N, C-alpha and C. Protein backbone atom coordinates (compact mmCIF):
# COMPACT_ATOMS: atom_id res chain seq x y z
N MET A 1 105.54 114.49 128.34
CA MET A 1 104.41 115.38 128.38
C MET A 1 103.17 114.61 127.94
N LYS A 2 102.05 114.91 128.56
CA LYS A 2 100.80 114.22 128.26
C LYS A 2 99.88 115.12 127.45
N CYS A 3 99.03 114.47 126.61
CA CYS A 3 98.07 115.18 125.78
C CYS A 3 97.00 115.80 126.66
N LYS A 4 96.60 117.02 126.36
CA LYS A 4 95.61 117.71 127.19
C LYS A 4 94.20 117.15 126.99
N HIS A 5 93.95 116.39 125.90
CA HIS A 5 92.62 115.85 125.64
C HIS A 5 92.47 114.41 126.15
N CYS A 6 93.38 113.53 125.71
CA CYS A 6 93.22 112.10 126.03
C CYS A 6 94.16 111.63 127.14
N ASN A 7 95.05 112.47 127.58
CA ASN A 7 96.00 112.19 128.65
C ASN A 7 97.01 111.09 128.29
N ASN A 8 97.12 110.76 127.00
CA ASN A 8 98.16 109.82 126.54
C ASN A 8 99.47 110.58 126.38
N GLU A 9 100.57 109.84 126.44
CA GLU A 9 101.88 110.48 126.33
C GLU A 9 102.12 110.91 124.88
N ILE A 10 102.62 112.13 124.70
CA ILE A 10 102.94 112.67 123.37
C ILE A 10 104.31 112.10 122.97
N PRO A 11 104.41 111.51 121.77
CA PRO A 11 105.68 110.93 121.33
C PRO A 11 106.82 111.95 121.32
N GLU A 12 108.01 111.46 121.63
CA GLU A 12 109.19 112.32 121.73
C GLU A 12 109.50 113.01 120.39
N ALA A 13 109.32 112.29 119.28
CA ALA A 13 109.59 112.87 117.96
C ALA A 13 108.66 114.05 117.69
N ARG A 14 107.39 113.96 118.11
CA ARG A 14 106.45 115.07 117.91
C ARG A 14 106.87 116.27 118.75
N LEU A 15 107.33 116.01 119.96
CA LEU A 15 107.77 117.11 120.83
C LEU A 15 109.03 117.79 120.28
N LYS A 16 109.89 117.00 119.62
CA LYS A 16 111.08 117.61 119.01
C LYS A 16 110.68 118.49 117.84
N ALA A 17 109.72 118.01 117.03
CA ALA A 17 109.27 118.79 115.87
C ALA A 17 108.45 120.00 116.28
N LEU A 18 107.58 119.82 117.27
CA LEU A 18 106.71 120.90 117.76
C LEU A 18 106.86 121.00 119.27
N PRO A 19 107.86 121.72 119.75
CA PRO A 19 108.14 121.75 121.19
C PRO A 19 106.99 122.30 122.05
N ASN A 20 106.15 123.15 121.50
CA ASN A 20 105.08 123.76 122.30
C ASN A 20 103.74 123.06 122.18
N THR A 21 103.72 121.90 121.53
CA THR A 21 102.45 121.21 121.34
C THR A 21 101.92 120.64 122.65
N LYS A 22 100.61 120.63 122.77
CA LYS A 22 99.98 120.08 123.97
C LYS A 22 98.99 118.97 123.60
N GLU A 23 99.02 118.56 122.29
CA GLU A 23 98.11 117.54 121.80
C GLU A 23 98.89 116.43 121.11
N CYS A 24 98.39 115.19 121.21
CA CYS A 24 98.98 114.09 120.48
C CYS A 24 98.50 114.15 119.03
N VAL A 25 99.01 113.28 118.17
CA VAL A 25 98.66 113.30 116.76
C VAL A 25 97.17 113.06 116.56
N SER A 26 96.60 112.08 117.24
CA SER A 26 95.18 111.76 117.04
C SER A 26 94.25 112.86 117.55
N CYS A 27 94.64 113.60 118.54
CA CYS A 27 93.79 114.66 119.08
C CYS A 27 94.08 116.03 118.45
N SER A 28 95.07 116.10 117.60
CA SER A 28 95.48 117.37 117.04
C SER A 28 94.36 118.02 116.24
N SER A 29 94.24 119.32 116.41
CA SER A 29 93.21 120.07 115.68
C SER A 29 93.72 120.55 114.32
N GLU A 30 94.99 120.39 114.07
CA GLU A 30 95.58 120.79 112.80
C GLU A 30 95.25 119.77 111.72
N GLU A 31 94.93 120.26 110.54
CA GLU A 31 94.61 119.40 109.40
C GLU A 31 95.93 118.99 108.73
N ARG A 32 96.03 117.71 108.35
CA ARG A 32 97.23 117.25 107.66
C ARG A 32 97.22 117.76 106.23
N ASN A 33 98.41 118.09 105.73
CA ASN A 33 98.55 118.55 104.35
C ASN A 33 98.92 117.38 103.46
N LEU A 34 98.56 117.48 102.19
CA LEU A 34 98.93 116.47 101.21
C LEU A 34 100.11 117.01 100.43
N VAL A 35 101.18 116.22 100.36
CA VAL A 35 102.36 116.59 99.59
C VAL A 35 102.50 115.57 98.48
N ARG A 36 102.57 116.06 97.24
CA ARG A 36 102.72 115.14 96.12
C ARG A 36 103.77 115.65 95.16
N THR A 37 104.34 114.73 94.41
CA THR A 37 105.35 115.06 93.42
C THR A 37 104.67 115.40 92.11
N ILE A 38 105.15 116.44 91.46
CA ILE A 38 104.63 116.85 90.16
C ILE A 38 105.61 116.37 89.09
N ILE A 39 105.10 115.71 88.07
CA ILE A 39 105.93 115.23 86.98
C ILE A 39 105.96 116.31 85.91
N THR A 40 107.13 116.86 85.62
CA THR A 40 107.23 117.93 84.64
C THR A 40 107.83 117.47 83.33
N GLY A 41 108.32 116.27 83.29
CA GLY A 41 108.87 115.72 82.05
C GLY A 41 108.58 114.24 82.00
N LYS A 42 109.06 113.59 80.97
CA LYS A 42 108.78 112.17 80.79
C LYS A 42 109.30 111.35 81.97
N THR A 43 110.49 111.68 82.44
CA THR A 43 111.08 110.93 83.56
C THR A 43 111.57 111.86 84.66
N THR A 44 111.08 113.08 84.70
CA THR A 44 111.60 114.06 85.65
C THR A 44 110.55 114.42 86.70
N TYR A 45 110.89 114.25 87.95
CA TYR A 45 110.09 114.73 89.07
C TYR A 45 110.81 115.98 89.57
N SER A 46 110.29 117.15 89.26
CA SER A 46 111.06 118.33 89.61
C SER A 46 110.32 119.32 90.50
N GLU A 47 109.10 119.02 90.90
CA GLU A 47 108.39 119.92 91.81
C GLU A 47 107.66 119.12 92.86
N TRP A 48 107.45 119.76 93.99
CA TRP A 48 106.58 119.21 95.03
C TRP A 48 105.43 120.17 95.17
N GLU A 49 104.26 119.63 95.43
CA GLU A 49 103.09 120.47 95.63
C GLU A 49 102.52 120.15 97.01
N VAL A 50 102.27 121.17 97.80
CA VAL A 50 101.65 121.01 99.11
C VAL A 50 100.21 121.49 98.98
N VAL A 51 99.27 120.57 99.19
CA VAL A 51 97.85 120.88 99.06
C VAL A 51 97.27 121.01 100.45
N LYS A 52 96.67 122.18 100.75
CA LYS A 52 96.14 122.45 102.08
C LYS A 52 94.61 122.43 102.11
N ASN A 53 93.96 122.64 100.99
CA ASN A 53 92.50 122.67 100.93
C ASN A 53 91.95 121.26 101.18
N LYS A 54 91.01 121.13 102.13
CA LYS A 54 90.49 119.82 102.54
C LYS A 54 89.79 119.09 101.39
N GLU A 55 88.93 119.78 100.63
CA GLU A 55 88.21 119.15 99.53
C GLU A 55 89.17 118.69 98.43
N THR A 56 90.18 119.50 98.16
CA THR A 56 91.16 119.15 97.13
C THR A 56 91.96 117.93 97.56
N LYS A 57 92.33 117.86 98.83
CA LYS A 57 93.06 116.70 99.34
C LYS A 57 92.24 115.43 99.18
N GLU A 58 90.97 115.51 99.57
CA GLU A 58 90.10 114.33 99.46
C GLU A 58 89.95 113.90 98.01
N TYR A 59 89.78 114.85 97.11
CA TYR A 59 89.63 114.55 95.69
C TYR A 59 90.88 113.86 95.14
N LEU A 60 92.04 114.40 95.46
CA LEU A 60 93.28 113.82 94.96
C LEU A 60 93.55 112.45 95.57
N GLU A 61 93.20 112.25 96.82
CA GLU A 61 93.37 110.94 97.45
C GLU A 61 92.47 109.90 96.80
N ARG A 62 91.23 110.30 96.39
CA ARG A 62 90.34 109.36 95.70
C ARG A 62 90.91 109.00 94.32
N LEU A 63 91.56 109.93 93.67
CA LEU A 63 92.10 109.68 92.33
C LEU A 63 93.34 108.81 92.35
N GLU A 64 94.07 108.81 93.43
CA GLU A 64 95.38 108.20 93.47
C GLU A 64 95.41 106.75 93.01
N GLY A 65 94.49 105.93 93.41
CA GLY A 65 94.53 104.52 93.05
C GLY A 65 93.83 104.19 91.76
N LYS A 66 93.26 105.16 91.05
CA LYS A 66 92.45 104.87 89.88
C LYS A 66 93.19 104.98 88.56
N GLY A 67 94.39 105.48 88.57
CA GLY A 67 95.11 105.68 87.32
C GLY A 67 95.98 104.50 86.97
N ARG A 68 96.79 104.68 85.95
CA ARG A 68 97.71 103.63 85.56
C ARG A 68 98.86 103.56 86.56
N THR A 69 99.53 102.48 86.61
CA THR A 69 100.63 102.32 87.55
C THR A 69 101.92 102.06 86.80
N GLY A 70 103.02 102.35 87.42
CA GLY A 70 104.32 102.07 86.84
C GLY A 70 105.05 103.30 86.34
N PHE A 71 104.36 104.17 85.61
CA PHE A 71 105.01 105.39 85.12
C PHE A 71 103.96 106.43 84.82
N GLY A 72 104.42 107.67 84.68
CA GLY A 72 103.50 108.74 84.31
C GLY A 72 102.58 109.15 85.44
N SER A 73 101.64 110.02 85.11
CA SER A 73 100.72 110.54 86.10
C SER A 73 99.55 109.60 86.29
N MET A 74 99.28 109.24 87.53
CA MET A 74 98.15 108.37 87.83
C MET A 74 96.87 109.19 87.93
N LEU A 75 96.99 110.50 88.02
CA LEU A 75 95.82 111.32 88.26
C LEU A 75 94.99 111.55 87.00
N TYR A 76 95.64 111.62 85.84
CA TYR A 76 94.89 111.96 84.63
C TYR A 76 93.85 110.90 84.31
N ARG A 77 94.24 109.65 84.24
CA ARG A 77 93.32 108.59 83.88
C ARG A 77 92.21 108.46 84.92
N GLY A 78 92.56 108.60 86.20
CA GLY A 78 91.55 108.50 87.25
C GLY A 78 90.57 109.66 87.23
N SER A 79 91.02 110.84 86.80
CA SER A 79 90.15 112.01 86.81
C SER A 79 89.07 111.94 85.73
N ARG A 80 89.23 111.07 84.74
CA ARG A 80 88.21 110.95 83.70
C ARG A 80 86.96 110.26 84.24
N THR A 81 87.13 109.42 85.27
CA THR A 81 85.97 108.71 85.82
C THR A 81 85.46 109.35 87.10
N GLU A 82 86.22 110.20 87.71
CA GLU A 82 85.85 110.83 88.99
C GLU A 82 85.44 112.27 88.72
N SER A 83 84.26 112.66 89.16
CA SER A 83 83.84 114.04 88.94
C SER A 83 84.51 114.95 89.95
N GLN A 84 84.87 116.13 89.49
CA GLN A 84 85.57 117.09 90.34
C GLN A 84 84.56 118.03 90.99
N PRO A 85 84.50 118.06 92.32
CA PRO A 85 83.59 118.98 92.99
C PRO A 85 83.95 120.43 92.68
N SER A 86 82.98 121.32 92.72
CA SER A 86 83.21 122.73 92.39
C SER A 86 84.13 123.42 93.39
N SER A 87 84.20 122.90 94.62
CA SER A 87 85.04 123.53 95.63
C SER A 87 86.52 123.15 95.50
N VAL A 88 86.83 122.18 94.63
CA VAL A 88 88.21 121.75 94.47
C VAL A 88 88.94 122.74 93.58
N LYS A 89 90.06 123.22 94.09
CA LYS A 89 90.87 124.18 93.35
C LYS A 89 92.26 123.59 93.19
N LEU A 90 92.58 123.19 91.99
CA LEU A 90 93.91 122.63 91.74
C LEU A 90 94.85 123.72 91.26
N GLY A 91 96.01 123.79 91.88
CA GLY A 91 97.03 124.75 91.45
C GLY A 91 96.93 126.11 92.11
N GLY A 92 95.78 126.52 92.61
CA GLY A 92 95.64 127.85 93.16
C GLY A 92 95.96 127.95 94.64
N ASN A 93 95.79 126.87 95.38
CA ASN A 93 95.98 126.95 96.82
C ASN A 93 97.20 126.16 97.28
N SER A 94 98.08 125.90 96.37
CA SER A 94 99.21 125.05 96.73
C SER A 94 100.50 125.86 96.76
N CYS A 95 101.47 125.28 97.38
CA CYS A 95 102.79 125.88 97.47
C CYS A 95 103.73 124.94 96.72
N ARG A 96 104.36 125.43 95.68
CA ARG A 96 105.24 124.57 94.89
C ARG A 96 106.69 124.90 95.18
N THR A 97 107.48 123.86 95.33
CA THR A 97 108.90 124.00 95.52
C THR A 97 109.59 123.46 94.29
N PHE A 98 110.33 124.30 93.58
CA PHE A 98 110.99 123.87 92.37
C PHE A 98 112.34 123.27 92.70
N ILE A 99 112.59 122.10 92.18
CA ILE A 99 113.88 121.46 92.33
C ILE A 99 114.51 121.47 90.95
N LYS A 100 115.46 122.35 90.76
CA LYS A 100 116.07 122.54 89.45
C LYS A 100 116.95 121.34 89.15
N SER A 101 116.79 120.79 87.96
CA SER A 101 117.66 119.70 87.56
C SER A 101 118.63 120.24 86.51
N TYR A 102 119.91 120.13 86.80
CA TYR A 102 120.96 120.62 85.92
C TYR A 102 121.42 119.45 85.06
N THR A 103 121.54 119.69 83.77
CA THR A 103 121.86 118.60 82.86
C THR A 103 123.29 118.70 82.34
N LYS A 104 123.78 117.56 81.88
CA LYS A 104 125.10 117.51 81.27
C LYS A 104 125.10 118.29 79.96
N GLU A 105 123.96 118.29 79.27
CA GLU A 105 123.85 119.02 78.01
C GLU A 105 124.09 120.52 78.23
N ASN A 106 123.50 121.07 79.31
CA ASN A 106 123.72 122.49 79.62
C ASN A 106 125.18 122.74 79.96
N LEU A 107 125.78 121.84 80.72
CA LEU A 107 127.20 121.97 81.08
C LEU A 107 128.05 121.99 79.81
N ASP A 108 127.79 121.06 78.90
CA ASP A 108 128.55 120.99 77.65
C ASP A 108 128.37 122.24 76.81
N LYS A 109 127.14 122.75 76.76
CA LYS A 109 126.84 123.96 75.97
C LYS A 109 127.62 125.16 76.50
N VAL A 110 127.60 125.35 77.82
CA VAL A 110 128.28 126.50 78.42
C VAL A 110 129.80 126.36 78.27
N LEU A 111 130.31 125.16 78.48
CA LEU A 111 131.75 124.93 78.34
C LEU A 111 132.20 125.17 76.90
N LYS A 112 131.40 124.71 75.93
CA LYS A 112 131.75 124.90 74.52
C LYS A 112 131.81 126.40 74.18
N GLU A 113 130.83 127.15 74.66
CA GLU A 113 130.82 128.59 74.39
C GLU A 113 132.01 129.29 75.04
N ALA A 114 132.33 128.90 76.26
CA ALA A 114 133.46 129.52 76.95
C ALA A 114 134.79 129.16 76.26
N MET A 115 134.89 127.93 75.78
CA MET A 115 136.13 127.50 75.13
C MET A 115 136.37 128.24 73.81
N LEU A 116 135.29 128.70 73.16
CA LEU A 116 135.45 129.47 71.94
C LEU A 116 136.18 130.78 72.19
N TRP A 117 136.02 131.34 73.39
CA TRP A 117 136.58 132.65 73.71
C TRP A 117 137.84 132.59 74.57
N ILE A 118 138.18 131.43 75.07
CA ILE A 118 139.24 131.35 76.10
C ILE A 118 140.60 131.86 75.60
N ASP A 119 140.93 131.61 74.34
CA ASP A 119 142.24 132.05 73.84
C ASP A 119 142.27 133.51 73.43
N THR A 120 141.14 134.02 72.95
CA THR A 120 141.14 135.41 72.47
C THR A 120 140.72 136.42 73.53
N ASP A 121 139.74 136.06 74.35
CA ASP A 121 139.24 137.00 75.36
C ASP A 121 138.80 136.22 76.60
N LYS A 122 139.75 135.92 77.45
CA LYS A 122 139.46 135.10 78.64
C LYS A 122 138.44 135.79 79.55
N GLU A 123 138.54 137.10 79.65
CA GLU A 123 137.61 137.85 80.51
C GLU A 123 136.16 137.68 80.04
N TYR A 124 135.94 137.73 78.73
CA TYR A 124 134.59 137.53 78.19
C TYR A 124 134.12 136.10 78.42
N ALA A 125 135.02 135.13 78.29
CA ALA A 125 134.67 133.73 78.54
C ALA A 125 134.20 133.55 79.99
N LEU A 126 134.90 134.16 80.92
CA LEU A 126 134.53 134.06 82.33
C LEU A 126 133.20 134.78 82.61
N GLN A 127 132.99 135.92 81.95
CA GLN A 127 131.72 136.64 82.11
C GLN A 127 130.55 135.81 81.57
N THR A 128 130.79 135.09 80.47
CA THR A 128 129.75 134.23 79.90
C THR A 128 129.36 133.13 80.88
N VAL A 129 130.36 132.50 81.49
CA VAL A 129 130.09 131.43 82.46
C VAL A 129 129.36 132.01 83.67
N ASP A 130 129.77 133.19 84.13
CA ASP A 130 129.10 133.85 85.25
C ASP A 130 127.63 134.13 84.93
N LYS A 131 127.36 134.55 83.69
CA LYS A 131 125.99 134.85 83.27
C LYS A 131 125.12 133.59 83.31
N TYR A 132 125.66 132.48 82.82
CA TYR A 132 124.90 131.23 82.84
C TYR A 132 124.64 130.75 84.27
N LEU A 133 125.57 130.99 85.16
CA LEU A 133 125.36 130.63 86.56
C LEU A 133 124.26 131.51 87.16
N ALA A 134 124.30 132.80 86.87
CA ALA A 134 123.28 133.73 87.39
C ALA A 134 121.90 133.40 86.83
N ASP A 135 121.83 132.94 85.57
CA ASP A 135 120.56 132.57 84.94
C ASP A 135 120.10 131.18 85.35
N ASP A 136 120.84 130.50 86.21
CA ASP A 136 120.49 129.19 86.75
C ASP A 136 120.46 128.10 85.66
N VAL A 137 121.32 128.24 84.66
CA VAL A 137 121.44 127.23 83.61
C VAL A 137 122.37 126.12 84.08
N ILE A 138 123.39 126.50 84.86
CA ILE A 138 124.34 125.53 85.41
C ILE A 138 124.36 125.65 86.93
N SER A 139 124.78 124.58 87.57
CA SER A 139 124.86 124.58 89.04
C SER A 139 126.19 125.18 89.50
N GLN A 140 126.29 125.41 90.78
CA GLN A 140 127.53 125.94 91.36
C GLN A 140 128.68 124.95 91.14
N LYS A 141 128.38 123.66 91.27
CA LYS A 141 129.40 122.63 91.06
C LYS A 141 129.87 122.63 89.61
N GLN A 142 128.94 122.71 88.66
CA GLN A 142 129.29 122.76 87.25
C GLN A 142 130.10 124.02 86.94
N TYR A 143 129.74 125.12 87.57
CA TYR A 143 130.46 126.38 87.41
C TYR A 143 131.93 126.21 87.81
N LYS A 144 132.17 125.59 88.95
CA LYS A 144 133.54 125.38 89.41
C LYS A 144 134.30 124.46 88.48
N GLN A 145 133.62 123.41 87.95
CA GLN A 145 134.27 122.50 87.01
C GLN A 145 134.70 123.25 85.75
N ILE A 146 133.82 124.10 85.22
CA ILE A 146 134.14 124.86 84.02
C ILE A 146 135.33 125.79 84.27
N LEU A 147 135.35 126.46 85.42
CA LEU A 147 136.47 127.36 85.73
C LEU A 147 137.79 126.59 85.81
N GLN A 148 137.75 125.38 86.39
CA GLN A 148 138.97 124.57 86.46
C GLN A 148 139.45 124.18 85.07
N ILE A 149 138.53 123.80 84.19
CA ILE A 149 138.90 123.43 82.82
C ILE A 149 139.48 124.62 82.08
N LEU A 150 138.85 125.78 82.22
CA LEU A 150 139.34 126.98 81.55
C LEU A 150 140.73 127.37 82.06
N GLU A 151 140.97 127.16 83.33
CA GLU A 151 142.26 127.49 83.93
C GLU A 151 143.36 126.58 83.38
N VAL A 152 143.02 125.32 83.10
CA VAL A 152 144.00 124.40 82.52
C VAL A 152 144.38 124.85 81.11
N PHE A 153 143.38 125.26 80.32
CA PHE A 153 143.64 125.65 78.94
C PHE A 153 144.27 127.04 78.81
N ASN A 154 143.98 127.92 79.75
CA ASN A 154 144.55 129.26 79.71
C ASN A 154 144.82 129.71 81.14
N PRO A 155 145.96 129.29 81.70
CA PRO A 155 146.25 129.63 83.10
C PRO A 155 146.41 131.13 83.32
N THR A 156 145.98 131.57 84.46
CA THR A 156 146.15 132.96 84.84
C THR A 156 147.61 133.17 85.20
N PRO A 157 148.27 134.17 84.59
CA PRO A 157 149.68 134.40 84.92
C PRO A 157 149.82 134.85 86.37
N GLU A 158 150.90 134.37 86.96
CA GLU A 158 151.16 134.76 88.36
C GLU A 158 151.60 136.21 88.39
N LYS A 159 151.06 136.92 89.31
CA LYS A 159 151.42 138.34 89.45
C LYS A 159 152.63 138.44 90.38
N LYS A 160 153.66 139.09 89.88
CA LYS A 160 154.85 139.30 90.70
C LYS A 160 154.68 140.61 91.44
N VAL A 161 154.84 140.53 92.73
CA VAL A 161 154.70 141.71 93.56
C VAL A 161 156.08 142.36 93.66
N LEU A 162 156.16 143.57 93.17
CA LEU A 162 157.41 144.31 93.26
C LEU A 162 157.47 145.00 94.61
N GLU A 163 158.58 144.76 95.28
CA GLU A 163 158.75 145.39 96.58
C GLU A 163 159.26 146.81 96.38
N LYS A 164 158.62 147.69 97.06
CA LYS A 164 159.02 149.09 96.99
C LYS A 164 160.14 149.29 98.00
N LYS A 165 161.27 149.68 97.49
CA LYS A 165 162.41 149.89 98.38
C LYS A 165 162.33 151.28 99.00
N GLU A 166 162.52 151.29 100.30
CA GLU A 166 162.50 152.56 100.98
C GLU A 166 163.90 153.18 100.95
N VAL A 167 163.92 154.46 100.89
CA VAL A 167 165.19 155.18 100.90
C VAL A 167 165.63 155.33 102.37
N ILE A 168 166.82 154.82 102.64
CA ILE A 168 167.34 154.85 104.02
C ILE A 168 168.56 155.77 104.04
N ASP A 169 168.60 156.57 105.06
CA ASP A 169 169.72 157.50 105.24
C ASP A 169 171.02 156.69 105.30
N GLU A 170 172.05 157.16 104.63
CA GLU A 170 173.31 156.42 104.54
C GLU A 170 173.98 156.24 105.90
N GLU A 171 173.88 157.20 106.80
CA GLU A 171 174.48 157.07 108.14
C GLU A 171 173.79 155.96 108.94
N ILE A 172 172.47 155.86 108.81
CA ILE A 172 171.73 154.81 109.52
C ILE A 172 172.11 153.44 108.94
N ALA A 173 172.21 153.34 107.62
CA ALA A 173 172.58 152.08 106.98
C ALA A 173 173.99 151.67 107.42
N HIS A 174 174.94 152.63 107.49
CA HIS A 174 176.31 152.32 107.91
C HIS A 174 176.33 151.85 109.38
N ALA A 175 175.57 152.52 110.22
CA ALA A 175 175.52 152.14 111.64
C ALA A 175 174.89 150.75 111.79
N PHE A 176 173.88 150.44 111.02
CA PHE A 176 173.21 149.14 111.11
C PHE A 176 174.14 148.02 110.63
N ARG A 177 174.91 148.26 109.54
CA ARG A 177 175.83 147.25 109.03
C ARG A 177 176.98 146.99 110.00
N ASN A 178 177.37 147.99 110.70
CA ASN A 178 178.57 147.86 111.53
C ASN A 178 178.28 147.79 113.02
N TRP A 179 177.07 147.66 113.43
CA TRP A 179 176.77 147.68 114.87
C TRP A 179 177.37 146.50 115.60
N LYS A 180 177.45 145.34 114.96
CA LYS A 180 177.99 144.16 115.60
C LYS A 180 179.50 144.32 115.84
N ASN A 181 180.19 144.78 114.84
CA ASN A 181 181.64 144.96 114.94
C ASN A 181 182.01 146.01 115.97
N SER A 182 181.22 147.07 116.03
CA SER A 182 181.55 148.12 116.95
C SER A 182 181.33 147.68 118.40
N ARG A 183 180.41 146.75 118.64
CA ARG A 183 180.14 146.28 119.98
C ARG A 183 181.23 145.36 120.49
N ILE A 184 181.83 144.60 119.62
CA ILE A 184 182.86 143.64 120.05
C ILE A 184 184.12 144.35 120.51
N TYR A 185 184.50 145.39 119.82
CA TYR A 185 185.77 146.05 120.13
C TYR A 185 185.69 147.05 121.24
N LYS A 186 184.56 147.34 121.76
CA LYS A 186 184.48 148.32 122.84
C LYS A 186 184.64 147.71 124.13
């Protein structure tokens, strides 16, 4: 497919991503978004921010090379020398995606609490683990690991299914037991 403006061929990857597009990347009327990682801890990158405002994107791009390098936020140090235009809105026009990081410490905490109850009240121990999963303290994988550990320490007894015996008429039972013998002699 060719671009409607410059008549150059539209790359196949762009057509796969946007099947109805009629413009190449250079002629596109859509503004590119800025996606950056947000540092929420000393060594944790746990959010992405999508910045759509044009002035905010330009401001952040100017700051990018002015900060310290190697670790931490490069934006803080650069922002001290760069004035922020009044039209720049940080945090208000962005879309943040939270990437939850589950820690071994949380896993150990939940397992320890469940192990306290496993011998006396297994049902409460399981409810506690379920609550922590619902509160997003532990991951689904950690949840399954805890359940496996609890099962080793306090296995669920196997349920024996009792078969209900049906009452069968004695004449039918006699005929069924002897049907083979009666057929041979006739």
